[in-house]
Amino acid sequence: MFDDFDDPALDRSVWLPHYLPAWSSLAGTRATYLIHDSHLELSIPPDQGLWCGDDHRPPLRVSGMQTGNFSGPVGSAVGQQPYRDGLRVREEQEEFRGCLIDHGTVGMRASLYLSPRSMASLWLVGFEDEPERSGELCVMEVFGRDVRDDSADVGMGFHRFRDPALAEDFERLPLLIDVTEPHAYEASWDGEEATFRVDGRVVRMLDDPPRYPLQLMLAVFDFPEWPDPRDPQHAFVPTLSVDRVWAH
């Protein structure tokens, strides 16, 4: 899969413009996005509502897209990336397999516009048709509070979740990059090893990555309760601007 967003319409054979809708609904998880000048821009305008606002703590707003979607029936516990124990499906999801990859290379070239209350990420997670196939391979994650004038802490690694075979191994690395400029974030993995790169340079290597199909997740987040003295009116619009995504 290679998407450079030259087409003004989102490729719905690959992308679902919602974030984990089983725990809410398709209507309640719709991303705010536009495609122009061969860029996908995910953003969170001030009037965007909370995600799972009656249940998720801390309060969270998100514009996200994913290349897979799956759940059990309403009332079941079968769904992707549950955020707490005892969570139940609110809206059953039609199975969607836009792009799943069990080894290879996934990356994006993107610019991040973040405040101390926001973050952006590209990660992969198991499709979770079986609960233990739930591990995460995070290609990149940046919080606005970790962004400096000429550097930023970029998170990458594994989260095990319900996968007993995957070791939890996640680290935030200080890198000399301006995240508002376009940079390429990429991870390659096989059955033995995962390699993480920024602008083609290897910055981290880990053993024993997930060994089952993973779907891409791409999102920008806002945490309304987090302090930002520079923006008391919450007028800033967190934005993830992507000029291409690849998976092969």
C-alpha atoms as a PDB file:
ATOM      1  CA  MET A   1       0.000   0.000   0.000  1.00  0.00           C
ATOM      2  CA  PHE A   2       1.222   3.483  -0.890  1.00  0.00           C
ATOM      3  CA  ASP A   3      -0.956   6.567  -0.442  1.00  0.00           C
ATOM      4  CA  ASP A   4       0.339   9.998  -1.397  1.00  0.00           C
ATOM      5  CA  PHE A   5      -3.109  11.632  -1.117  1.00  0.00           C
ATOM      6  CA  ASP A   6      -3.003  12.974  -4.660  1.00  0.00           C
ATOM      7  CA  ASP A   7      -6.661  12.015  -5.051  1.00  0.00           C
ATOM      8  CA  PRO A   8      -8.935  14.576  -3.332  1.00  0.00           C
ATOM      9  CA  ALA A   9     -11.123  11.763  -1.970  1.00  0.00           C
ATOM     10  CA  LEU A  10      -9.983   9.431   0.810  1.00  0.00           C
ATOM     11  CA  ASP A  11      -9.349   5.870  -0.374  1.00  0.00           C
ATOM     12  CA  ARG A  12     -12.085   4.090   1.567  1.00  0.00           C
ATOM     13  CA  SER A  13     -10.831   0.695   0.386  1.00  0.00           C
ATOM     14  CA  VAL A  14      -7.840   1.304   2.696  1.00  0.00           C
ATOM     15  CA  TRP A  15      -8.901   3.835   5.356  1.00  0.00           C
ATOM     16  CA  LEU A  16     -11.776   3.994   7.820  1.00  0.00           C
ATOM     17  CA  PRO A  17     -11.972   7.626   9.064  1.00  0.00           C
ATOM     18  CA  HIS A  18     -13.024   6.698  12.608  1.00  0.00           C
ATOM     19  CA  TYR A  19     -11.249   5.809  15.860  1.00  0.00           C
ATOM     20  CA  LEU A  20     -12.189   2.533  17.593  1.00  0.00           C
ATOM     21  CA  PRO A  21     -15.919   2.981  16.895  1.00  0.00           C
ATOM     22  CA  ALA A  22     -17.087  -0.228  18.616  1.00  0.00           C
ATOM     23  CA  TRP A  23     -16.807   1.467  22.022  1.00  0.00           C
ATOM     24  CA  SER A  24     -18.913   4.401  20.828  1.00  0.00           C
ATOM     25  CA  SER A  25     -20.370   4.540  17.314  1.00  0.00           C
ATOM     26  CA  LEU A  26     -19.346   5.441  13.793  1.00  0.00           C
ATOM     27  CA  ALA A  27     -21.192   8.740  14.145  1.00  0.00           C
ATOM     28  CA  GLY A  28     -19.487   9.550  17.435  1.00  0.00           C
ATOM     29  CA  THR A  29     -15.937   8.757  16.281  1.00  0.00           C
ATOM     30  CA  ARG A  30     -15.774  10.450  12.886  1.00  0.00           C
ATOM     31  CA  ALA A  31     -12.446  12.098  12.153  1.00  0.00           C
ATOM     32  CA  THR A  32     -12.078  15.725  11.192  1.00  0.00           C
ATOM     33  CA  TYR A  33      -9.901  15.711   8.102  1.00  0.00           C
ATOM     34  CA  LEU A  34      -9.347  17.192   4.685  1.00  0.00           C
ATOM     35  CA  ILE A  35      -7.166  16.356   1.713  1.00  0.00           C
ATOM     36  CA  HIS A  36      -5.544  19.188  -0.202  1.00  0.00           C
ATOM     37  CA  ASP A  37      -2.224  19.850  -1.938  1.00  0.00           C
ATOM     38  CA  SER A  38      -1.517  16.100  -1.786  1.00  0.00           C
ATOM     39  CA  HIS A  39      -1.686  16.092   2.021  1.00  0.00           C
ATOM     40  CA  LEU A  40      -4.005  14.441   4.494  1.00  0.00           C
ATOM     41  CA  GLU A  41      -4.662  16.766   7.425  1.00  0.00           C
ATOM     42  CA  LEU A  42      -6.166  15.286  10.572  1.00  0.00           C
ATOM     43  CA  SER A  43      -7.165  18.006  13.021  1.00  0.00           C
ATOM     44  CA  ILE A  44      -9.182  18.727  16.152  1.00  0.00           C
ATOM     45  CA  PRO A  45     -11.092  22.015  15.918  1.00  0.00           C
ATOM     46  CA  PRO A  46     -12.312  23.658  19.150  1.00  0.00           C
ATOM     47  CA  ASP A  47     -15.915  22.499  18.660  1.00  0.00           C
ATOM     48  CA  GLN A  48     -15.083  18.812  18.208  1.00  0.00           C
ATOM     49  CA  GLY A  49     -16.732  16.655  20.871  1.00  0.00           C
ATOM     50  CA  LEU A  50     -15.189  14.188  23.285  1.00  0.00           C
ATOM     51  CA  TRP A  51     -14.470  10.591  22.350  1.00  0.00           C
ATOM     52  CA  CYS A  52     -16.490   8.222  24.596  1.00  0.00           C
ATOM     53  CA  GLY A  53     -17.144  11.330  26.672  1.00  0.00           C
ATOM     54  CA  ASP A  54     -19.449   9.674  29.207  1.00  0.00           C
ATOM     55  CA  ASP A  55     -16.886   7.018  30.115  1.00  0.00           C
ATOM     56  CA  HIS A  56     -13.272   7.661  29.054  1.00  0.00           C
ATOM     57  CA  ARG A  57     -11.018   9.279  31.648  1.00  0.00           C
ATOM     58  CA  PRO A  58      -9.219  11.562  31.243  1.00  0.00           C
ATOM     59  CA  PRO A  59     -11.414  13.392  28.711  1.00  0.00           C
ATOM     60  CA  LEU A  60     -10.115  12.871  25.204  1.00  0.00           C
ATOM     61  CA  ARG A  61     -10.756  14.237  21.753  1.00  0.00           C
ATOM     62  CA  VAL A  62      -9.355  12.459  18.706  1.00  0.00           C
ATOM     63  CA  SER A  63      -9.342  12.480  14.929  1.00  0.00           C
ATOM     64  CA  GLY A  64      -8.087   9.113  13.776  1.00  0.00           C
ATOM     65  CA  MET A  65      -8.080   6.665  10.897  1.00  0.00           C
ATOM     66  CA  GLN A  66      -7.484   2.938  10.806  1.00  0.00           C
ATOM     67  CA  THR A  67      -6.998   0.306   8.132  1.00  0.00           C
ATOM     68  CA  GLY A  68      -8.987  -2.413   9.925  1.00  0.00           C
ATOM     69  CA  ASN A  69     -12.108  -2.688  12.055  1.00  0.00           C
ATOM     70  CA  PHE A  70     -13.692  -5.561  13.928  1.00  0.00           C
ATOM     71  CA  SER A  71     -16.012  -6.213  16.869  1.00  0.00           C
ATOM     72  CA  GLY A  72     -18.369  -8.708  18.379  1.00  0.00           C
ATOM     73  CA  PRO A  73     -22.064  -8.010  18.918  1.00  0.00           C
ATOM     74  CA  VAL A  74     -23.433  -5.199  21.095  1.00  0.00           C
ATOM     75  CA  GLY A  75     -22.865  -5.977  24.763  1.00  0.00           C
ATOM     76  CA  SER A  76     -19.898  -8.257  24.139  1.00  0.00           C
ATOM     77  CA  ALA A  77     -16.329  -7.573  25.207  1.00  0.00           C
ATOM     78  CA  VAL A  78     -14.965  -8.386  21.741  1.00  0.00           C
ATOM     79  CA  GLY A  79     -13.359  -5.287  20.240  1.00  0.00           C
ATOM     80  CA  GLN A  80     -10.086  -3.620  19.368  1.00  0.00           C
ATOM     81  CA  GLN A  81      -7.897  -1.854  21.932  1.00  0.00           C
ATOM     82  CA  PRO A  82     -10.328  -1.709  24.891  1.00  0.00           C
ATOM     83  CA  TYR A  83      -9.257   1.149  27.155  1.00  0.00           C
ATOM     84  CA  ARG A  84     -10.421  -0.397  30.440  1.00  0.00           C
ATOM     85  CA  ASP A  85     -11.523  -3.713  31.913  1.00  0.00           C
ATOM     86  CA  GLY A  86     -15.191  -4.556  31.514  1.00  0.00           C
ATOM     87  CA  LEU A  87     -15.684  -2.423  28.413  1.00  0.00           C
ATOM     88  CA  ARG A  88     -18.630  -3.505  26.230  1.00  0.00           C
ATOM     89  CA  VAL A  89     -19.354  -3.004  22.546  1.00  0.00           C
ATOM     90  CA  ARG A  90     -21.904  -0.239  21.979  1.00  0.00           C
ATOM     91  CA  GLU A  91     -22.178  -0.532  18.198  1.00  0.00           C
ATOM     92  CA  GLU A  92     -21.345  -3.725  16.338  1.00  0.00           C
ATOM     93  CA  GLN A  93     -18.867  -3.125  13.538  1.00  0.00           C
ATOM     94  CA  GLU A  94     -18.762  -4.568  10.055  1.00  0.00           C
ATOM     95  CA  GLU A  95     -15.495  -6.412   9.521  1.00  0.00           C
ATOM     96  CA  PHE A  96     -13.072  -4.285   7.481  1.00  0.00           C
ATOM     97  CA  ARG A  97      -9.608  -5.331   6.310  1.00  0.00           C
ATOM     98  CA  GLY A  98      -8.271  -2.372   4.372  1.00  0.00           C
ATOM     99  CA  CYS A  99      -4.573  -3.050   4.992  1.00  0.00           C
ATOM    100  CA  LEU A 100      -3.182  -5.662   7.365  1.00  0.00           C
ATOM    101  CA  ILE A 101       0.486  -6.596   7.394  1.00  0.00           C
ATOM    102  CA  ASP A 102       2.268  -9.313   9.397  1.00  0.00           C
ATOM    103  CA  HIS A 103       5.833  -8.247   8.485  1.00  0.00           C
ATOM    104  CA  GLY A 104       7.473  -5.665   6.276  1.00  0.00           C
ATOM    105  CA  THR A 105       7.818  -1.883   6.428  1.00  0.00           C
ATOM    106  CA  VAL A 106       5.330   0.802   7.476  1.00  0.00           C
ATOM    107  CA  GLY A 107       5.995   4.522   7.553  1.00  0.00           C
ATOM    108  CA  MET A 108       4.813   8.026   6.902  1.00  0.00           C
ATOM    109  CA  ARG A 109       6.225  11.431   6.058  1.00  0.00           C
ATOM    110  CA  ALA A 110       4.453  14.047   8.138  1.00  0.00           C
ATOM    111  CA  SER A 111       4.520  17.367   9.978  1.00  0.00           C
ATOM    112  CA  LEU A 112       3.090  17.760  13.496  1.00  0.00           C
ATOM    113  CA  TYR A 113       1.482  20.892  14.912  1.00  0.00           C
ATOM    114  CA  LEU A 114       0.899  20.267  18.603  1.00  0.00           C
ATOM    115  CA  SER A 115       0.232  22.131  21.845  1.00  0.00           C
ATOM    116  CA  PRO A 116       1.201  20.904  25.342  1.00  0.00           C
ATOM    117  CA  ARG A 117      -2.286  19.310  25.488  1.00  0.00           C
ATOM    118  CA  SER A 118      -2.006  17.257  22.297  1.00  0.00           C
ATOM    119  CA  MET A 119      -0.132  14.391  20.659  1.00  0.00           C
ATOM    120  CA  ALA A 120       0.076  12.553  17.334  1.00  0.00           C
ATOM    121  CA  SER A 121       0.980   9.002  16.468  1.00  0.00           C
ATOM    122  CA  LEU A 122       1.325   6.284  13.838  1.00  0.00           C
ATOM    123  CA  TRP A 123       1.087   2.801  15.283  1.00  0.00           C
ATOM    124  CA  LEU A 124       0.057  -0.723  14.372  1.00  0.00           C
ATOM    125  CA  VAL A 125      -2.117  -3.064  16.411  1.00  0.00           C
ATOM    126  CA  GLY A 126      -3.372  -6.596  16.049  1.00  0.00           C
ATOM    127  CA  PHE A 127      -6.726  -7.060  14.344  1.00  0.00           C
ATOM    128  CA  GLU A 128      -7.838  -8.810  17.585  1.00  0.00           C
ATOM    129  CA  ASP A 129     -10.022 -11.461  16.001  1.00  0.00           C
ATOM    130  CA  GLU A 130      -8.358 -13.374  18.835  1.00  0.00           C
ATOM    131  CA  PRO A 131      -7.823 -11.425  22.113  1.00  0.00           C
ATOM    132  CA  GLU A 132      -4.133 -12.298  22.404  1.00  0.00           C
ATOM    133  CA  ARG A 133      -3.481 -10.851  18.923  1.00  0.00           C
ATOM    134  CA  SER A 134      -3.576  -7.394  20.435  1.00  0.00           C
ATOM    135  CA  GLY A 135       0.018  -6.198  20.636  1.00  0.00           C
ATOM    136  CA  GLU A 136       1.100  -2.787  19.422  1.00  0.00           C
ATOM    137  CA  LEU A 137       4.091  -1.758  17.345  1.00  0.00           C
ATOM    138  CA  CYS A 138       4.356   2.017  17.663  1.00  0.00           C
ATOM    139  CA  VAL A 139       6.190   3.623  14.749  1.00  0.00           C
ATOM    140  CA  MET A 140       6.141   7.068  16.349  1.00  0.00           C
ATOM    141  CA  GLU A 141       4.356   9.028  19.065  1.00  0.00           C
ATOM    142  CA  VAL A 142       4.995  12.671  19.957  1.00  0.00           C
ATOM    143  CA  PHE A 143       3.397  14.691  22.762  1.00  0.00           C
ATOM    144  CA  GLY A 144       3.350  18.456  22.352  1.00  0.00           C
ATOM    145  CA  ARG A 145       4.747  18.887  25.863  1.00  0.00           C
ATOM    146  CA  ASP A 146       7.875  17.012  24.662  1.00  0.00           C
ATOM    147  CA  VAL A 147       8.488  19.319  21.700  1.00  0.00           C
ATOM    148  CA  ARG A 148      11.258  21.908  21.873  1.00  0.00           C
ATOM    149  CA  ASP A 149      12.483  24.488  19.357  1.00  0.00           C
ATOM    150  CA  ASP A 150      15.020  22.184  17.720  1.00  0.00           C
ATOM    151  CA  SER A 151      14.259  18.757  19.181  1.00  0.00           C
ATOM    152  CA  ALA A 152      11.502  16.452  20.403  1.00  0.00           C
ATOM    153  CA  ASP A 153      11.076  13.204  22.311  1.00  0.00           C
ATOM    154  CA  VAL A 154       9.762  10.590  19.873  1.00  0.00           C
ATOM    155  CA  GLY A 155       8.213   7.476  21.391  1.00  0.00           C
ATOM    156  CA  MET A 156       8.528   4.087  19.695  1.00  0.00           C
ATOM    157  CA  GLY A 157       8.455   0.426  20.595  1.00  0.00           C
ATOM    158  CA  PHE A 158       6.034  -2.283  21.741  1.00  0.00           C
ATOM    159  CA  HIS A 159       3.000  -2.374  24.016  1.00  0.00           C
ATOM    160  CA  ARG A 160       1.965  -5.904  24.932  1.00  0.00           C
ATOM    161  CA  PHE A 161      -1.680  -5.295  25.994  1.00  0.00           C
ATOM    162  CA  ARG A 162      -3.241  -8.813  26.008  1.00  0.00           C
ATOM    163  CA  ASP A 163      -0.451 -10.544  24.086  1.00  0.00           C
ATOM    164  CA  PRO A 164       1.396 -12.823  26.558  1.00  0.00           C
ATOM    165  CA  ALA A 165       4.204 -13.443  24.041  1.00  0.00           C
ATOM    166  CA  LEU A 166       5.094  -9.766  23.541  1.00  0.00           C
ATOM    167  CA  ALA A 167       7.419  -7.926  25.925  1.00  0.00           C
ATOM    168  CA  GLU A 168       6.475  -4.370  26.923  1.00  0.00           C
ATOM    169  CA  ASP A 169       9.307  -2.213  25.549  1.00  0.00           C
ATOM    170  CA  PHE A 170       8.580   1.444  24.805  1.00  0.00           C
ATOM    171  CA  GLU A 171      10.950   4.402  24.974  1.00  0.00           C
ATOM    172  CA  ARG A 172      10.886   8.128  24.199  1.00  0.00           C
ATOM    173  CA  LEU A 173      14.047   9.134  22.386  1.00  0.00           C
ATOM    174  CA  PRO A 174      15.264  12.767  22.217  1.00  0.00           C
ATOM    175  CA  LEU A 175      15.877  13.546  18.543  1.00  0.00           C
ATOM    176  CA  LEU A 176      17.275  16.721  16.973  1.00  0.00           C
ATOM    177  CA  ILE A 177      14.332  17.386  14.664  1.00  0.00           C
ATOM    178  CA  ASP A 178      11.761  20.123  14.231  1.00  0.00           C
ATOM    179  CA  VAL A 179       8.530  18.124  14.112  1.00  0.00           C
ATOM    180  CA  THR A 180       6.693  20.952  12.324  1.00  0.00           C
ATOM    181  CA  GLU A 181       8.918  20.188   9.331  1.00  0.00           C
ATOM    182  CA  PRO A 182       8.252  17.043   7.238  1.00  0.00           C
ATOM    183  CA  HIS A 183      10.058  13.972   8.544  1.00  0.00           C
ATOM    184  CA  ALA A 184       9.877  10.289   7.626  1.00  0.00           C
ATOM    185  CA  TYR A 185       9.027   7.899  10.478  1.00  0.00           C
ATOM    186  CA  GLU A 186       9.326   4.200   9.651  1.00  0.00           C
ATOM    187  CA  ALA A 187       9.463   0.727  11.191  1.00  0.00           C
ATOM    188  CA  SER A 188      10.499  -2.551   9.541  1.00  0.00           C
ATOM    189  CA  TRP A 189      10.042  -5.945  11.143  1.00  0.00           C
ATOM    190  CA  ASP A 190      10.114  -9.669  10.511  1.00  0.00           C
ATOM    191  CA  GLY A 191       9.666 -12.656  12.785  1.00  0.00           C
ATOM    192  CA  GLU A 192      12.790 -11.835  14.778  1.00  0.00           C
ATOM    193  CA  GLU A 193      13.507  -8.096  14.909  1.00  0.00           C
ATOM    194  CA  ALA A 194      12.018  -4.624  14.476  1.00  0.00           C
ATOM    195  CA  THR A 195      14.025  -1.613  13.292  1.00  0.00           C
ATOM    196  CA  PHE A 196      12.826   1.973  13.782  1.00  0.00           C
ATOM    197  CA  ARG A 197      14.062   4.823  11.571  1.00  0.00           C
ATOM    198  CA  VAL A 198      13.620   8.573  11.376  1.00  0.00           C
ATOM    199  CA  ASP A 199      14.588  10.150   8.053  1.00  0.00           C
ATOM    200  CA  GLY A 200      16.270   6.889   7.102  1.00  0.00           C
ATOM    201  CA  ARG A 201      18.491   6.767  10.187  1.00  0.00           C
ATOM    202  CA  VAL A 202      18.182   3.794  12.522  1.00  0.00           C
ATOM    203  CA  VAL A 203      17.286   5.042  16.003  1.00  0.00           C
ATOM    204  CA  ARG A 204      16.082   1.870  17.741  1.00  0.00           C
ATOM    205  CA  MET A 205      16.088  -1.922  17.310  1.00  0.00           C
ATOM    206  CA  LEU A 206      14.016  -4.462  19.259  1.00  0.00           C
ATOM    207  CA  ASP A 207      13.743  -8.227  19.291  1.00  0.00           C
ATOM    208  CA  ASP A 208      10.595 -10.370  19.035  1.00  0.00           C
ATOM    209  CA  PRO A 209       7.937  -8.147  17.409  1.00  0.00           C
ATOM    210  CA  PRO A 210       4.309  -9.282  17.057  1.00  0.00           C
ATOM    211  CA  ARG A 211       3.863 -12.263  14.740  1.00  0.00           C
ATOM    212  CA  TYR A 212       0.333 -11.768  13.430  1.00  0.00           C
ATOM    213  CA  PRO A 213      -1.462  -9.324  11.107  1.00  0.00           C
ATOM    214  CA  LEU A 214      -1.390  -5.699  12.251  1.00  0.00           C
ATOM    215  CA  GLN A 215      -3.544  -2.788  11.079  1.00  0.00           C
ATOM    216  CA  LEU A 216      -2.366   0.813  10.751  1.00  0.00           C
ATOM    217  CA  MET A 217      -3.660   3.471  13.158  1.00  0.00           C
ATOM    218  CA  LEU A 218      -3.070   7.165  12.483  1.00  0.00           C
ATOM    219  CA  ALA A 219      -4.376   9.895  14.794  1.00  0.00           C
ATOM    220  CA  VAL A 220      -4.036  13.246  16.498  1.00  0.00           C
ATOM    221  CA  PHE A 221      -5.262  13.596  20.098  1.00  0.00           C
ATOM    222  CA  ASP A 222      -6.236  16.428  22.436  1.00  0.00           C
ATOM    223  CA  PHE A 223      -6.545  16.187  26.241  1.00  0.00           C
ATOM    224  CA  PRO A 224      -8.765  19.118  27.307  1.00  0.00           C
ATOM    225  CA  GLU A 225      -7.927  18.892  31.028  1.00  0.00           C
ATOM    226  CA  TRP A 226      -4.175  19.208  30.520  1.00  0.00           C
ATOM    227  CA  PRO A 227      -2.785  22.689  31.202  1.00  0.00           C
ATOM    228  CA  ASP A 228      -1.653  25.044  28.469  1.00  0.00           C
ATOM    229  CA  PRO A 229      -1.207  28.583  29.856  1.00  0.00           C
ATOM    230  CA  ARG A 230      -0.564  29.888  26.346  1.00  0.00           C
ATOM    231  CA  ASP A 231      -3.999  28.788  25.133  1.00  0.00           C
ATOM    232  CA  PRO A 232      -6.589  29.252  27.919  1.00  0.00           C
ATOM    233  CA  GLN A 233      -9.450  29.462  25.397  1.00  0.00           C
ATOM    234  CA  HIS A 234      -8.521  26.141  23.745  1.00  0.00           C
ATOM    235  CA  ALA A 235      -8.359  27.888  20.379  1.00  0.00           C
ATOM    236  CA  PHE A 236      -5.314  25.985  19.085  1.00  0.00           C
ATOM    237  CA  VAL A 237      -6.083  23.296  16.478  1.00  0.00           C
ATOM    238  CA  PRO A 238      -3.790  20.246  16.809  1.00  0.00           C
ATOM    239  CA  THR A 239      -2.986  18.959  13.337  1.00  0.00           C
ATOM    240  CA  LEU A 240      -1.210  15.976  11.830  1.00  0.00           C
ATOM    241  CA  SER A 241      -0.309  16.768   8.211  1.00  0.00           C
ATOM    242  CA  VAL A 242       0.693  13.682   6.212  1.00  0.00           C
ATOM    243  CA  ASP A 243       2.025  13.759   2.687  1.00  0.00           C
ATOM    244  CA  ARG A 244       2.398   9.998   2.278  1.00  0.00           C
ATOM    245  CA  VAL A 245       1.962   6.640   4.011  1.00  0.00           C
ATOM    246  CA  TRP A 246       3.469   3.340   2.903  1.00  0.00           C
ATOM    247  CA  ALA A 247       3.092  -0.295   3.949  1.00  0.00           C
ATOM    248  CA  HIS A 248       4.741  -3.196   2.165  1.00  0.00           C
END
